[in-house]
């Protein structure tokens, strides 16, 4: 259903949000606890599609996972006999991490997903699977993984330039293998990781559930090893979602008001680093060139930052992130198309986008094309609060992937109308 988003008669004095839970943390916690003995509770979880997909994928492997209010309760560990068919929808994190964990633990499974996920590259996952001595049937989904003959080498290197999710899955798999009585002390080498802070999130979750991890950086690579893992039954509280926080932070910057969104203590999620980009873009003068060359480390902030760039008279250059072409959509092309519909001149490059602000001052409603990518839809929706004529967007349901309550939140700061 399309949505019409218009500026309010008077904008609020500040922006606040009750953020959804960090799906990066919760998915990792579910994957770790699904293979652990004893009952675990993951508290404070606001449901979204990606977390639901992760839970269902683990259930297909035999894990006992249930909801208790805003908590996930994880019971008996997953046990699998025979092959399991695992549906991953559009969830790249679950696909790559669970594929690596499954191979690590000697499971036999087939991963598949929606067309958008089938189009995403899985080369790093396939390389890792074969490095363990497991077999894989293809380089893109659907992929059958047979880990029944897996043998952990002393050291396993995986390409982490495009994604760190496979390296995260391997270190989780190594930890779970130790917890199950294995003796592996393999070192996982994440080669040249760009989004290295996501590895910090993985280690933070593992340590919370009882793992003692070794972590060092050498010549641009991350070397990770689990020295001990003694799982313990516990209740763990998930932090707020840094990726979702990008939208209220950017909205506040667009309108020049304060933002009442606080970073959780000790959260290493890379998307909190958006604050520096927001300050630099917001302070730029007309004609100034602002270079944002770190979006590869936090690709989920790119759409929101593009929306902010479209409200400043500066030129903002995003670069160094070719993986943006292979997310839920081609995010570089999607933002270029959406901004062009609002009168913004953009230059596409293989690894980024140059945005020459500012959006049109027209009082006409603008229909803005957008793919079914939650980050793109939410970013372009922010511009409806800024453009005098408002914007019409669809598909509105895409936001449920990460923030089902997004439209209700935005309705506190804009006139948001569902169009039948």
Protein backbone atom coordinates (compact mmCIF):
# COMPACT_ATOMS: atom_id res chain seq x y z
CA UNK A 1 0.00 0.00 0.00
CA UNK A 2 1.43 3.44 -0.90
CA UNK A 3 2.03 6.07 1.78
CA UNK A 4 1.89 9.83 1.40
CA UNK A 5 4.34 11.60 3.70
CA UNK A 6 4.03 15.37 4.12
CA UNK A 7 5.73 17.90 6.41
CA UNK A 8 3.73 18.77 9.53
CA UNK A 9 2.34 22.26 10.08
CA UNK A 10 4.92 22.68 12.85
CA UNK A 11 7.85 20.37 13.40
CA UNK A 12 8.59 19.06 16.89
CA UNK A 13 11.26 20.64 19.08
CA UNK A 14 13.16 17.34 19.26
CA UNK A 15 13.11 13.82 17.83
CA UNK A 16 12.94 10.66 19.90
CA UNK A 17 12.25 7.01 19.16
CA UNK A 18 11.57 3.74 20.92
CA UNK A 19 13.98 1.79 18.76
CA UNK A 20 13.59 -1.84 17.77
CA UNK A 21 16.08 -4.32 19.16
CA UNK A 22 19.40 -4.82 17.40
CA UNK A 23 18.76 -7.60 14.91
CA UNK A 24 22.52 -8.04 14.49
CA UNK A 25 22.83 -8.95 18.17
CA UNK A 26 19.61 -10.97 18.44
CA UNK A 27 20.29 -13.16 15.40
CA UNK A 28 23.76 -13.97 16.70
CA UNK A 29 22.37 -14.73 20.15
CA UNK A 30 19.69 -17.02 18.70
CA UNK A 31 22.23 -18.92 16.60
CA UNK A 32 24.60 -19.36 19.56
CA UNK A 33 21.93 -20.43 22.06
CA UNK A 34 20.10 -22.73 19.64
CA UNK A 35 22.97 -25.21 19.90
CA UNK A 36 23.68 -24.78 23.64
CA UNK A 37 22.38 -26.95 26.50
CA UNK A 38 20.00 -25.46 29.05
CA UNK A 39 17.36 -22.78 28.76
CA UNK A 40 18.41 -19.31 27.64
CA UNK A 41 16.32 -16.13 27.58
CA UNK A 42 16.92 -13.22 25.23
CA UNK A 43 15.04 -10.28 26.70
CA UNK A 44 13.74 -7.01 25.28
CA UNK A 45 13.19 -8.19 21.71
CA UNK A 46 10.87 -6.13 19.52
CA UNK A 47 9.76 -8.53 16.72
CA UNK A 48 10.78 -7.95 13.12
CA UNK A 49 10.85 -10.13 10.03
CA UNK A 50 14.59 -10.81 9.99
CA UNK A 51 14.62 -12.12 13.57
CA UNK A 52 11.51 -14.22 12.89
CA UNK A 53 13.20 -15.71 9.82
CA UNK A 54 16.28 -16.55 11.87
CA UNK A 55 14.20 -18.24 14.57
CA UNK A 56 12.24 -20.27 11.99
CA UNK A 57 15.47 -21.33 10.27
CA UNK A 58 16.82 -22.63 13.57
CA UNK A 59 13.55 -24.42 14.32
CA UNK A 60 13.93 -26.26 11.01
CA UNK A 61 17.19 -27.65 12.46
CA UNK A 62 15.38 -28.89 15.57
CA UNK A 63 15.94 -25.98 17.95
CA UNK A 64 13.26 -25.33 20.58
CA UNK A 65 12.55 -21.58 20.36
CA UNK A 66 9.45 -19.85 21.67
CA UNK A 67 8.21 -16.35 22.53
CA UNK A 68 7.34 -15.17 26.02
CA UNK A 69 6.18 -11.58 25.68
CA UNK A 70 9.20 -9.58 24.55
CA UNK A 71 11.60 -12.43 25.24
CA UNK A 72 12.83 -15.34 23.16
CA UNK A 73 13.17 -18.57 25.14
CA UNK A 74 15.64 -21.07 23.69
CA UNK A 75 15.37 -24.58 25.12
CA UNK A 76 16.82 -27.90 24.04
CA UNK A 77 19.68 -27.62 21.54
CA UNK A 78 19.14 -28.28 17.87
CA UNK A 79 19.54 -31.92 16.87
CA UNK A 80 19.42 -32.93 13.25
CA UNK A 81 19.26 -36.30 11.57
CA UNK A 82 19.14 -36.26 7.81
CA UNK A 83 18.98 -33.14 5.65
CA UNK A 84 17.11 -30.03 6.72
CA UNK A 85 15.63 -27.53 4.28
CA UNK A 86 16.23 -24.03 5.66
CA UNK A 87 14.26 -21.05 4.32
CA UNK A 88 16.08 -17.72 4.74
CA UNK A 89 13.64 -15.38 2.93
CA UNK A 90 15.72 -12.19 2.32
CA UNK A 91 17.95 -12.60 5.36
CA UNK A 92 21.62 -12.54 4.39
CA UNK A 93 22.91 -12.66 7.98
CA UNK A 94 21.09 -15.89 8.77
CA UNK A 95 22.07 -17.44 5.43
CA UNK A 96 25.81 -16.86 5.73
CA UNK A 97 26.16 -17.36 9.47
CA UNK A 98 23.96 -20.43 9.70
CA UNK A 99 25.58 -21.94 6.61
CA UNK A 100 29.01 -21.58 8.23
CA UNK A 101 27.78 -22.84 11.61
CA UNK A 102 26.02 -25.80 10.01
CA UNK A 103 29.14 -26.84 8.12
CA UNK A 104 31.24 -26.35 11.26
CA UNK A 105 29.01 -28.69 13.26
CA UNK A 106 28.84 -31.38 10.59
CA UNK A 107 25.22 -30.79 9.61
CA UNK A 108 23.53 -31.53 6.30
CA UNK A 109 21.23 -28.73 5.14
CA UNK A 110 19.97 -26.88 2.12
CA UNK A 111 19.70 -23.11 2.24
CA UNK A 112 17.28 -21.22 0.03
CA UNK A 113 15.58 -17.84 -0.03
CA UNK A 114 13.58 -15.26 -1.92
CA UNK A 115 14.71 -14.08 -5.39
CA UNK A 116 16.51 -11.05 -3.96
CA UNK A 117 18.59 -13.29 -1.68
CA UNK A 118 19.26 -15.78 -4.47
CA UNK A 119 20.85 -12.93 -6.43
CA UNK A 120 23.31 -12.05 -3.65
CA UNK A 121 26.85 -13.45 -3.82
CA UNK A 122 27.75 -16.36 -1.53
CA UNK A 123 31.36 -16.88 -2.67
CA UNK A 124 32.87 -16.32 0.79
CA UNK A 125 30.47 -18.87 2.33
CA UNK A 126 31.24 -21.50 -0.30
CA UNK A 127 34.99 -20.92 0.10
CA UNK A 128 34.71 -21.40 3.86
CA UNK A 129 32.57 -24.53 3.56
CA UNK A 130 35.10 -26.14 1.26
CA UNK A 131 37.95 -25.05 3.53
CA UNK A 132 36.37 -27.16 6.28
CA UNK A 133 36.24 -30.19 4.02
CA UNK A 134 32.47 -29.92 3.64
CA UNK A 135 30.76 -29.91 0.26
CA UNK A 136 28.52 -27.31 -1.33
CA UNK A 137 26.34 -27.72 -4.38
CA UNK A 138 26.44 -24.19 -5.83
CA UNK A 139 27.86 -20.69 -5.42
CA UNK A 140 24.45 -19.03 -5.05
CA UNK A 141 21.22 -20.10 -3.40
CA UNK A 142 19.85 -22.69 -3.27
CA UNK A 143 22.98 -24.26 -1.75
CA UNK A 144 23.16 -27.77 -0.30
CA UNK A 145 25.79 -28.03 2.42
CA UNK A 146 27.02 -31.42 3.60
CA UNK A 147 29.29 -31.09 6.62
CA UNK A 148 29.26 -34.72 7.75
CA UNK A 149 32.92 -35.19 6.81
CA UNK A 150 34.11 -31.84 8.14
CA UNK A 151 37.63 -31.61 9.56
CA UNK A 152 38.70 -28.36 11.16
CA UNK A 153 42.16 -27.22 10.00
CA UNK A 154 44.47 -25.47 12.45
CA UNK A 155 43.77 -22.24 10.62
CA UNK A 156 40.99 -21.29 8.24
CA UNK A 157 41.11 -18.09 6.19
CA UNK A 158 37.96 -16.53 4.76
CA UNK A 159 37.55 -13.49 2.53
CA UNK A 160 35.94 -10.76 4.67
CA UNK A 161 36.26 -7.83 2.27
CA UNK A 162 32.62 -7.94 1.21
CA UNK A 163 31.00 -9.41 4.33
CA UNK A 164 32.16 -10.52 7.79
CA UNK A 165 29.09 -12.71 8.30
CA UNK A 166 30.88 -15.89 7.19
CA UNK A 167 33.82 -15.27 9.52
CA UNK A 168 31.31 -14.64 12.31
CA UNK A 169 29.58 -17.91 11.54
CA UNK A 170 32.87 -19.80 11.58
CA UNK A 171 33.96 -18.48 14.97
CA UNK A 172 30.50 -19.22 16.39
CA UNK A 173 30.72 -22.71 14.88
CA UNK A 174 34.17 -23.24 16.42
CA UNK A 175 32.84 -22.15 19.81
CA UNK A 176 29.83 -24.47 19.60
CA UNK A 177 32.03 -27.38 18.50
CA UNK A 178 34.11 -26.88 21.68
CA UNK A 179 30.98 -26.62 23.82
CA UNK A 180 29.80 -29.94 22.40
CA UNK A 181 32.99 -31.64 23.58
CA UNK A 182 35.20 -31.06 20.56
CA UNK A 183 38.84 -30.13 20.91
CA UNK A 184 39.18 -27.77 17.98
CA UNK A 185 41.19 -24.64 18.68
CA UNK A 186 41.20 -23.48 15.09
CA UNK A 187 42.05 -19.89 14.28
CA UNK A 188 39.61 -18.16 11.95
CA UNK A 189 41.38 -15.53 9.86
CA UNK A 190 39.06 -12.85 8.50
CA UNK A 191 41.00 -11.47 5.54
CA UNK A 192 40.93 -7.68 5.15
CA UNK A 193 37.56 -7.06 6.81
CA UNK A 194 35.97 -3.71 6.04
CA UNK A 195 33.01 -3.89 8.41
CA UNK A 196 35.27 -5.18 11.18
CA UNK A 197 33.04 -3.94 14.02
CA UNK A 198 30.48 -6.62 13.15
CA UNK A 199 33.09 -9.14 14.29
CA UNK A 200 33.19 -7.24 17.58
CA UNK A 201 29.42 -7.73 17.88
CA UNK A 202 29.85 -11.48 17.34
CA UNK A 203 32.59 -11.74 19.97
CA UNK A 204 30.54 -9.66 22.41
CA UNK A 205 27.62 -12.11 22.11
CA UNK A 206 29.88 -15.18 22.43
CA UNK A 207 31.53 -13.77 25.54
CA UNK A 208 28.14 -12.97 27.06
CA UNK A 209 27.24 -16.66 26.88
CA UNK A 210 30.51 -17.94 28.34
CA UNK A 211 33.15 -18.02 25.60
CA UNK A 212 36.76 -16.93 26.14
CA UNK A 213 37.98 -15.58 22.81
CA UNK A 214 41.37 -14.60 21.46
CA UNK A 215 41.33 -11.68 19.03
CA UNK A 216 44.20 -9.93 17.31
CA UNK A 217 44.77 -7.84 14.22
CA UNK A 218 47.71 -8.67 11.98
CA UNK A 219 48.54 -7.00 8.66
CA UNK A 220 44.94 -5.89 8.19
CA UNK A 221 43.46 -9.33 9.00
CA UNK A 222 41.50 -10.31 12.13
CA UNK A 223 42.67 -13.54 13.78
CA UNK A 224 39.99 -15.06 16.00
CA UNK A 225 40.09 -18.13 18.22
CA UNK A 226 37.86 -19.58 20.94
CA UNK A 227 40.07 -20.86 23.76
CA UNK A 228 37.24 -22.02 26.00
CA UNK A 229 33.46 -22.17 25.94
CA UNK A 230 31.54 -23.26 29.02
CA UNK A 231 27.90 -22.46 28.23
CA UNK A 232 25.73 -21.29 31.09
CA UNK A 233 21.99 -20.84 31.37
CA UNK A 234 21.28 -17.14 31.61
CA UNK A 235 19.07 -14.20 30.70
CA UNK A 236 20.60 -11.76 28.23
CA UNK A 237 19.26 -8.33 27.33
CA UNK A 238 19.55 -7.23 23.72
CA UNK A 239 20.58 -3.63 22.96
CA UNK A 240 18.72 -1.15 20.75
CA UNK A 241 19.29 -1.27 17.01
CA UNK A 242 22.02 1.10 15.83
CA UNK A 243 20.93 0.75 12.20
CA UNK A 244 17.41 1.90 13.04
CA UNK A 245 18.83 4.77 15.11
CA UNK A 246 20.21 6.27 11.88
CA UNK A 247 16.72 7.42 10.88
CA UNK A 248 15.74 9.52 13.92
CA UNK A 249 19.30 10.87 14.06
CA UNK A 250 19.14 11.95 10.41
CA UNK A 251 15.60 13.32 10.74
CA UNK A 252 16.70 15.52 13.65
CA UNK A 253 19.70 16.74 11.63
CA UNK A 254 17.47 17.56 8.64
CA UNK A 255 15.20 19.71 10.78
CA UNK A 256 17.92 21.20 12.98
CA UNK A 257 16.52 19.90 16.28
CA UNK A 258 17.87 17.74 19.09
CA UNK A 259 17.66 13.96 18.99
CA UNK A 260 16.88 11.99 22.14
CA UNK A 261 18.40 8.69 21.04
CA UNK A 262 21.23 7.48 23.24
CA UNK A 263 23.88 4.93 22.31
CA UNK A 264 23.78 1.85 24.57
CA UNK A 265 26.84 1.44 26.78
CA UNK A 266 29.57 -0.81 25.31
CA UNK A 267 27.74 -1.49 22.04
CA UNK A 268 30.39 -1.97 19.32
CA UNK A 269 27.87 -1.90 16.44
CA UNK A 270 29.47 0.17 13.65
CA UNK A 271 26.33 2.12 12.75
CA UNK A 272 26.69 4.31 15.83
CA UNK A 273 29.59 5.92 13.97
CA UNK A 274 27.03 7.67 11.77
CA UNK A 275 27.13 10.56 14.26
CA UNK A 276 30.43 11.81 12.83
CA UNK A 277 29.10 11.73 9.26
CA UNK A 278 25.94 13.58 10.30
CA UNK A 279 27.96 16.36 11.93
CA UNK A 280 30.22 16.80 8.89
CA UNK A 281 27.38 16.83 6.37
CA UNK A 282 25.27 19.14 8.48
CA UNK A 283 28.09 21.63 8.93
CA UNK A 284 29.05 21.77 5.24
CA UNK A 285 28.71 25.05 3.37
CA UNK A 286 27.33 25.59 -0.14
CA UNK A 287 29.72 24.23 -2.74
CA UNK A 288 31.82 22.34 -0.20
CA UNK A 289 32.68 18.71 -0.96
CA UNK A 290 32.20 16.26 1.91
CA UNK A 291 33.76 12.82 1.44
CA UNK A 292 32.13 9.87 3.21
CA UNK A 293 34.54 7.05 2.41
CA UNK A 294 33.75 4.76 5.36
CA UNK A 295 30.26 3.62 4.38
CA UNK A 296 31.71 0.17 3.61
CA UNK A 297 32.13 -0.27 7.36
CA UNK A 298 28.48 0.64 8.02
CA UNK A 299 26.53 0.09 4.76
CA UNK A 300 23.12 0.22 6.42
CA UNK A 301 23.62 3.93 7.17
CA UNK A 302 24.18 4.80 3.51
CA UNK A 303 20.52 5.38 2.49
CA UNK A 304 19.79 7.64 5.47
CA UNK A 305 22.98 9.64 4.89
CA UNK A 306 22.05 10.07 1.21
CA UNK A 307 18.71 11.52 2.32
CA UNK A 308 20.53 13.94 4.62
CA UNK A 309 22.92 14.89 1.80
CA UNK A 310 19.89 15.81 -0.33
CA UNK A 311 18.95 18.52 2.18
CA UNK A 312 22.32 20.29 2.26
CA UNK A 313 23.78 22.66 -0.38
CA UNK A 314 27.10 20.82 -0.25
CA UNK A 315 28.25 18.03 -2.55
CA UNK A 316 28.52 14.76 -0.63
CA UNK A 317 30.65 11.98 -2.08
CA UNK A 318 30.08 8.41 -0.85
CA UNK A 319 32.77 5.97 -1.96
CA UNK A 320 34.58 2.72 -1.22
CA UNK A 321 31.51 0.50 -0.86
CA UNK A 322 30.90 -1.67 -3.97
CA UNK A 323 29.02 -4.19 -1.78
CA UNK A 324 26.13 -1.70 -1.67
CA UNK A 325 25.26 -3.02 -5.12
CA UNK A 326 24.46 -6.42 -3.56
CA UNK A 327 22.28 -5.72 -0.52
CA UNK A 328 18.49 -6.24 -0.44
CA UNK A 329 18.63 -4.04 -3.53
CA UNK A 330 21.28 -2.21 -5.50
CA UNK A 331 21.30 0.59 -2.95
CA UNK A 332 23.48 2.91 -5.00
CA UNK A 333 21.11 2.78 -7.99
CA UNK A 334 18.01 2.86 -5.76
CA UNK A 335 19.04 6.03 -3.94
CA UNK A 336 20.15 7.69 -7.17
CA UNK A 337 16.75 6.96 -8.75
CA UNK A 338 14.77 8.03 -5.70
CA UNK A 339 16.67 11.28 -5.25
CA UNK A 340 16.43 12.09 -8.97
CA UNK A 341 12.63 11.89 -8.66
CA UNK A 342 12.92 14.68 -6.09
CA UNK A 343 15.08 16.85 -8.32
CA UNK A 344 18.47 15.95 -6.86
CA UNK A 345 21.44 15.59 -9.23
CA UNK A 346 23.40 12.40 -8.50
CA UNK A 347 26.40 10.66 -10.05
CA UNK A 348 26.56 6.88 -9.77
CA UNK A 349 29.91 5.13 -9.41
CA UNK A 350 30.72 1.46 -9.05
CA UNK A 351 31.53 1.92 -5.38
CA UNK A 352 29.30 4.80 -4.35
CA UNK A 353 27.29 7.90 -5.15
CA UNK A 354 27.88 11.64 -5.40
CA UNK A 355 24.89 13.70 -4.21
CA UNK A 356 24.60 17.30 -5.31
CA UNK A 357 21.82 18.63 -3.01
CA UNK A 358 19.16 20.03 -2.64
CA UNK A 359 15.72 18.46 -3.13
CA UNK A 360 13.15 20.37 -5.19
CA UNK A 361 11.18 23.14 -3.46
CA UNK A 362 8.06 22.20 -5.42
CA UNK A 363 4.69 22.15 -3.67
CA UNK A 364 3.58 19.21 -5.82
CA UNK A 365 3.36 15.68 -4.48
CA UNK A 366 6.13 13.51 -5.91
CA UNK A 367 5.82 9.77 -6.46
CA UNK A 368 9.23 8.33 -5.64
CA UNK A 369 10.19 4.90 -7.01
CA UNK A 370 11.72 2.52 -4.49
CA UNK A 371 12.52 -1.20 -4.37
CA UNK A 372 11.19 -3.41 -1.56
CA UNK A 373 14.26 -2.59 0.53
CA UNK A 374 13.49 -1.46 4.07
CA UNK A 375 16.46 0.92 4.36
CA UNK A 376 15.66 2.63 1.04
CA UNK A 377 11.97 3.08 1.83
CA UNK A 378 12.70 4.52 5.28
CA UNK A 379 15.38 6.89 3.96
CA UNK A 380 13.18 8.30 1.21
CA UNK A 381 10.28 8.59 3.65
CA UNK A 382 12.38 11.00 5.74
CA UNK A 383 12.45 13.36 2.76
CA UNK A 384 8.66 13.50 2.83
CA UNK A 385 8.99 15.46 6.08
CA UNK A 386 11.25 17.95 4.27
CA UNK A 387 9.78 18.36 0.78
CA UNK A 388 6.93 20.87 0.80
CA UNK A 389 4.69 18.85 -1.50
CA UNK A 390 5.39 15.55 0.21
CA UNK A 391 6.33 12.20 -1.30
CA UNK A 392 4.37 9.08 -2.19
CA UNK A 393 6.16 5.80 -1.53
CA UNK A 394 5.52 2.12 -1.95
CA UNK A 395 6.01 -0.68 -0.98
CA UNK A 396 5.38 0.44 2.59
CA UNK A 397 5.47 -3.07 4.07
CA UNK A 398 9.20 -3.41 3.42
CA UNK A 399 9.93 -1.65 6.72
CA UNK A 400 8.73 -4.71 8.67
CA UNK A 401 12.03 -6.41 7.87
CA UNK A 402 13.77 -4.38 10.56
CA UNK A 403 11.37 -1.81 12.12
CA UNK A 404 7.68 -2.77 11.96
CA UNK A 405 6.71 0.32 13.95
CA UNK A 406 8.47 2.77 11.62
CA UNK A 407 5.33 4.36 10.14
CA UNK A 408 3.80 4.90 13.57
CA UNK A 409 7.04 6.54 14.73
CA UNK A 410 7.28 8.75 11.64
CA UNK A 411 3.66 9.78 12.14
CA UNK A 412 4.76 11.69 15.25
CA UNK A 413 6.86 14.00 13.03
CA UNK A 414 4.99 14.09 9.71
CA UNK A 415 1.56 13.72 8.17
CA UNK A 416 1.57 10.07 7.07
CA UNK A 417 -1.43 8.80 5.13
CA UNK A 418 -2.01 5.30 3.76
CA UNK A 419 -3.38 5.48 0.22
CA UNK A 420 -5.96 2.74 -0.52
